Amino acid sequence: MTEAQLTPDSAPACAANGEHDRGAQSQQPAQRPLFNPPIDIYESSEGLVLIADLPGVTIQSLDLQIQDNRLTLYGRVKPFLPAGAKLLHQEYAEGDFLRSFILSDEVDHERIVARLNAGVLEVLLPKAPLAQPRRIQVNGH
């Protein structure tokens, strides 16, 4: 596999109305910022492995989809402030994560697996099996 098999998508991440286009399931208000999570990609013997840092994202708030060769990850972060607590200091902005990539035809979409552990998402993008050469029989009239 080569680096060109997983390409960051440069298409706009948000819909024109300022909301993330997620169909009828849910809409994200425009006042919450969307961040591009940092990504590492490496190649293993099985295929490509994508690692994304998604602090505050849980399995329940993560949406990972493939449509038309585009892998999209969207992680919603719920604010964490215990009941009755008052925020005194905050060093990072609260928001959600959105990132998408264009996959090559060399990725087997049916075998993609992902796991989330302590805010780190790991996605295995296995290599598609190569088409085996075969002999074609030619018949006469």
C-alpha atoms as a PDB file:
ATOM      1  CA  MET A   1       0.000   0.000   0.000  1.00  0.00           C
ATOM      2  CA  THR A   2       1.096   3.524  -0.539  1.00  0.00           C
ATOM      3  CA  GLU A   3       0.519   6.846   1.130  1.00  0.00           C
ATOM      4  CA  ALA A   4      -2.020   7.790  -1.548  1.00  0.00           C
ATOM      5  CA  GLN A   5      -4.424   5.110  -0.318  1.00  0.00           C
ATOM      6  CA  LEU A   6      -5.715   7.285   2.532  1.00  0.00           C
ATOM      7  CA  THR A   7      -6.018  10.917   1.606  1.00  0.00           C
ATOM      8  CA  PRO A   8      -7.348  13.675   3.884  1.00  0.00           C
ATOM      9  CA  ASP A   9     -10.578  14.952   2.402  1.00  0.00           C
ATOM     10  CA  SER A  10     -10.526  18.640   1.590  1.00  0.00           C
ATOM     11  CA  ALA A  11     -14.301  18.868   1.191  1.00  0.00           C
ATOM     12  CA  PRO A  12     -16.096  21.233   3.581  1.00  0.00           C
ATOM     13  CA  ALA A  13     -16.838  19.491   6.865  1.00  0.00           C
ATOM     14  CA  CYS A  14     -19.915  21.525   7.722  1.00  0.00           C
ATOM     15  CA  ALA A  15     -23.125  22.122   5.841  1.00  0.00           C
ATOM     16  CA  ALA A  16     -23.875  25.612   4.548  1.00  0.00           C
ATOM     17  CA  ASN A  17     -26.236  26.329   7.435  1.00  0.00           C
ATOM     18  CA  GLY A  18     -23.396  25.888   9.940  1.00  0.00           C
ATOM     19  CA  GLU A  19     -24.517  22.445  11.021  1.00  0.00           C
ATOM     20  CA  HIS A  20     -22.751  19.158  10.479  1.00  0.00           C
ATOM     21  CA  ASP A  21     -24.646  17.213   7.811  1.00  0.00           C
ATOM     22  CA  ARG A  22     -25.659  14.040   9.625  1.00  0.00           C
ATOM     23  CA  GLY A  23     -29.081  13.434   8.104  1.00  0.00           C
ATOM     24  CA  ALA A  24     -32.182  13.161  10.242  1.00  0.00           C
ATOM     25  CA  GLN A  25     -30.344  11.460  13.128  1.00  0.00           C
ATOM     26  CA  SER A  26     -29.044  14.595  14.835  1.00  0.00           C
ATOM     27  CA  GLN A  27     -27.822  18.071  14.065  1.00  0.00           C
ATOM     28  CA  GLN A  28     -24.911  19.833  15.764  1.00  0.00           C
ATOM     29  CA  PRO A  29     -25.546  23.491  16.666  1.00  0.00           C
ATOM     30  CA  ALA A  30     -23.298  26.014  14.916  1.00  0.00           C
ATOM     31  CA  GLN A  31     -22.034  27.543  18.178  1.00  0.00           C
ATOM     32  CA  ARG A  32     -20.020  24.406  19.021  1.00  0.00           C
ATOM     33  CA  PRO A  33     -16.677  24.468  17.221  1.00  0.00           C
ATOM     34  CA  LEU A  34     -15.497  21.493  15.169  1.00  0.00           C
ATOM     35  CA  PHE A  35     -11.859  20.490  15.512  1.00  0.00           C
ATOM     36  CA  ASN A  36      -9.700  18.365  13.201  1.00  0.00           C
ATOM     37  CA  PRO A  37      -8.243  15.725  15.508  1.00  0.00           C
ATOM     38  CA  PRO A  38      -4.542  14.937  15.139  1.00  0.00           C
ATOM     39  CA  ILE A  39      -4.053  11.782  13.083  1.00  0.00           C
ATOM     40  CA  ASP A  40      -1.207   9.304  12.661  1.00  0.00           C
ATOM     41  CA  ILE A  41      -1.271   6.774   9.815  1.00  0.00           C
ATOM     42  CA  TYR A  42       1.095   3.860   9.397  1.00  0.00           C
ATOM     43  CA  GLU A  43       1.233   0.746   7.268  1.00  0.00           C
ATOM     44  CA  SER A  44       1.302  -2.731   8.766  1.00  0.00           C
ATOM     45  CA  SER A  45       1.329  -6.159   7.138  1.00  0.00           C
ATOM     46  CA  GLU A  46      -2.500  -6.216   7.306  1.00  0.00           C
ATOM     47  CA  GLY A  47      -3.052  -2.746   5.824  1.00  0.00           C
ATOM     48  CA  LEU A  48      -3.180   0.852   6.963  1.00  0.00           C
ATOM     49  CA  VAL A  49      -3.735   1.840  10.589  1.00  0.00           C
ATOM     50  CA  LEU A  50      -5.190   5.232  11.470  1.00  0.00           C
ATOM     51  CA  ILE A  51      -4.762   6.587  15.003  1.00  0.00           C
ATOM     52  CA  ALA A  52      -6.814   9.641  16.047  1.00  0.00           C
ATOM     53  CA  ASP A  53      -6.702  11.528  19.350  1.00  0.00           C
ATOM     54  CA  LEU A  54     -10.295  12.202  20.431  1.00  0.00           C
ATOM     55  CA  PRO A  55     -10.193  13.310  24.100  1.00  0.00           C
ATOM     56  CA  GLY A  56     -13.617  13.251  25.702  1.00  0.00           C
ATOM     57  CA  VAL A  57     -15.226  11.114  22.985  1.00  0.00           C
ATOM     58  CA  THR A  58     -16.937   7.880  24.059  1.00  0.00           C
ATOM     59  CA  ILE A  59     -18.042   4.883  22.015  1.00  0.00           C
ATOM     60  CA  GLN A  60     -21.612   6.139  22.321  1.00  0.00           C
ATOM     61  CA  SER A  61     -20.710   9.610  20.987  1.00  0.00           C
ATOM     62  CA  LEU A  62     -18.508   8.415  18.099  1.00  0.00           C
ATOM     63  CA  ASP A  63     -19.856   8.036  14.575  1.00  0.00           C
ATOM     64  CA  LEU A  64     -17.542   6.328  12.089  1.00  0.00           C
ATOM     65  CA  GLN A  65     -18.918   5.905   8.552  1.00  0.00           C
ATOM     66  CA  ILE A  66     -17.874   4.940   5.050  1.00  0.00           C
ATOM     67  CA  GLN A  67     -19.805   6.254   2.088  1.00  0.00           C
ATOM     68  CA  ASP A  68     -18.607   6.544  -1.511  1.00  0.00           C
ATOM     69  CA  ASN A  69     -14.975   5.759  -0.560  1.00  0.00           C
ATOM     70  CA  ARG A  70     -15.020   8.474   2.121  1.00  0.00           C
ATOM     71  CA  LEU A  71     -14.207   7.514   5.716  1.00  0.00           C
ATOM     72  CA  THR A  72     -15.699  10.074   8.107  1.00  0.00           C
ATOM     73  CA  LEU A  73     -15.251  10.233  11.849  1.00  0.00           C
ATOM     74  CA  TYR A  74     -17.372  12.492  14.020  1.00  0.00           C
ATOM     75  CA  GLY A  75     -16.974  12.553  17.786  1.00  0.00           C
ATOM     76  CA  ARG A  76     -19.249  14.505  20.081  1.00  0.00           C
ATOM     77  CA  VAL A  77     -17.760  15.698  23.354  1.00  0.00           C
ATOM     78  CA  LYS A  78     -20.086  16.233  26.277  1.00  0.00           C
ATOM     79  CA  PRO A  79     -19.095  18.945  28.730  1.00  0.00           C
ATOM     80  CA  PHE A  80     -17.731  17.542  31.969  1.00  0.00           C
ATOM     81  CA  LEU A  81     -18.506  19.571  35.048  1.00  0.00           C
ATOM     82  CA  PRO A  82     -19.819  17.805  38.143  1.00  0.00           C
ATOM     83  CA  ALA A  83     -23.157  18.997  39.510  1.00  0.00           C
ATOM     84  CA  GLY A  84     -22.715  22.047  41.707  1.00  0.00           C
ATOM     85  CA  ALA A  85     -19.145  22.684  40.507  1.00  0.00           C
ATOM     86  CA  LYS A  86     -17.968  26.027  39.147  1.00  0.00           C
ATOM     87  CA  LEU A  87     -15.399  26.145  36.333  1.00  0.00           C
ATOM     88  CA  LEU A  88     -12.344  28.120  37.448  1.00  0.00           C
ATOM     89  CA  HIS A  89      -9.875  27.405  34.674  1.00  0.00           C
ATOM     90  CA  GLN A  90     -10.105  25.813  31.215  1.00  0.00           C
ATOM     91  CA  GLU A  91      -7.166  25.362  28.838  1.00  0.00           C
ATOM     92  CA  TYR A  92      -8.907  23.939  25.813  1.00  0.00           C
ATOM     93  CA  ALA A  93     -12.020  24.952  23.966  1.00  0.00           C
ATOM     94  CA  GLU A  94     -15.018  22.686  24.180  1.00  0.00           C
ATOM     95  CA  GLY A  95     -16.131  21.320  20.841  1.00  0.00           C
ATOM     96  CA  ASP A  96     -16.497  18.237  18.702  1.00  0.00           C
ATOM     97  CA  PHE A  97     -14.177  16.385  16.318  1.00  0.00           C
ATOM     98  CA  LEU A  98     -14.673  15.891  12.598  1.00  0.00           C
ATOM     99  CA  ARG A  99     -12.304  14.435  10.022  1.00  0.00           C
ATOM    100  CA  SER A 100     -12.734  12.617   6.730  1.00  0.00           C
ATOM    101  CA  PHE A 101     -10.474  10.752   4.328  1.00  0.00           C
ATOM    102  CA  ILE A 102     -10.772   9.443   0.787  1.00  0.00           C
ATOM    103  CA  LEU A 103      -9.940   5.726   0.643  1.00  0.00           C
ATOM    104  CA  SER A 104      -8.386   4.051  -2.367  1.00  0.00           C
ATOM    105  CA  ASP A 105      -9.859   0.959  -3.956  1.00  0.00           C
ATOM    106  CA  GLU A 106      -7.069  -1.044  -2.314  1.00  0.00           C
ATOM    107  CA  VAL A 107      -8.837  -0.849   1.073  1.00  0.00           C
ATOM    108  CA  ASP A 108     -11.305  -3.644   1.871  1.00  0.00           C
ATOM    109  CA  HIS A 109     -14.294  -1.652   3.155  1.00  0.00           C
ATOM    110  CA  GLU A 110     -16.087  -4.752   4.450  1.00  0.00           C
ATOM    111  CA  ARG A 111     -13.287  -5.693   6.866  1.00  0.00           C
ATOM    112  CA  ILE A 112     -12.550  -2.299   8.443  1.00  0.00           C
ATOM    113  CA  VAL A 113     -12.512  -2.507  12.250  1.00  0.00           C
ATOM    114  CA  ALA A 114     -12.121   0.191  14.873  1.00  0.00           C
ATOM    115  CA  ARG A 115     -11.633   0.453  18.603  1.00  0.00           C
ATOM    116  CA  LEU A 116     -11.679   3.367  21.015  1.00  0.00           C
ATOM    117  CA  ASN A 117      -9.641   3.290  24.206  1.00  0.00           C
ATOM    118  CA  ALA A 118      -9.209   6.262  26.555  1.00  0.00           C
ATOM    119  CA  GLY A 119      -9.914   8.820  23.815  1.00  0.00           C
ATOM    120  CA  VAL A 120      -7.630   7.215  21.230  1.00  0.00           C
ATOM    121  CA  LEU A 121      -9.320   5.775  18.138  1.00  0.00           C
ATOM    122  CA  GLU A 122      -7.535   3.052  16.164  1.00  0.00           C
ATOM    123  CA  VAL A 123      -8.952   2.098  12.755  1.00  0.00           C
ATOM    124  CA  LEU A 124      -7.541  -0.861  10.805  1.00  0.00           C
ATOM    125  CA  LEU A 125      -8.035  -0.451   7.053  1.00  0.00           C
ATOM    126  CA  PRO A 126      -7.152  -3.892   5.657  1.00  0.00           C
ATOM    127  CA  LYS A 127      -5.792  -4.441   2.179  1.00  0.00           C
ATOM    128  CA  ALA A 128      -8.305  -5.705  -0.357  1.00  0.00           C
ATOM    129  CA  PRO A 129      -7.349  -9.065  -1.834  1.00  0.00           C
ATOM    130  CA  LEU A 130      -5.711  -8.784  -5.227  1.00  0.00           C
ATOM    131  CA  ALA A 131      -7.674 -10.168  -8.142  1.00  0.00           C
ATOM    132  CA  GLN A 132      -6.208 -13.501  -9.151  1.00  0.00           C
ATOM    133  CA  PRO A 133      -5.376 -14.020 -12.815  1.00  0.00           C
ATOM    134  CA  ARG A 134      -7.582 -16.545 -14.549  1.00  0.00           C
ATOM    135  CA  ARG A 135      -7.722 -18.054 -17.959  1.00  0.00           C
ATOM    136  CA  ILE A 136     -10.758 -17.169 -20.076  1.00  0.00           C
ATOM    137  CA  GLN A 137     -12.017 -19.871 -22.364  1.00  0.00           C
ATOM    138  CA  VAL A 138     -12.788 -18.713 -25.907  1.00  0.00           C
ATOM    139  CA  ASN A 139     -15.550 -20.556 -27.772  1.00  0.00           C
ATOM    140  CA  GLY A 140     -16.209 -20.583 -31.516  1.00  0.00           C
ATOM    141  CA  HIS A 141     -19.561 -20.337 -33.313  1.00  0.00           C
END
